Amino acid sequence: MKKDSKNENLIKYNYSKLLGKIKEMYDTQEKFALALGIGRVSLSQRLNGKLEFSQNEILKSCDLLKIKKKDIPIYFFVEDSLQ
């Protein structure tokens, strides 16, 4: 199996708090992805650590989910402790 060297160095983040906020505000990841302007699969890849969130996606997510800028680290940058 070929390794994807581009993704093997990504830090794994725990998005459980973000997932809870998405569920609270949008009910489904699909509805949130639509509001964010990306596809459902693209959102899933980000939430599963296959792709990184861009700065613009993080900022737009904060606007959509009513997350204060000072709280960005607790939603987007909590390292997964299972590494």
Foldseek 3Di string as FASTA:
>chain_A
DDDDVVQPPFFAAAQPVVVVLCCVQPVDLQRVCVQLVHHSVVSVCCNGSNDDQDPSSLVSSCVSSVNDPVCSCVRHPHGDPVD
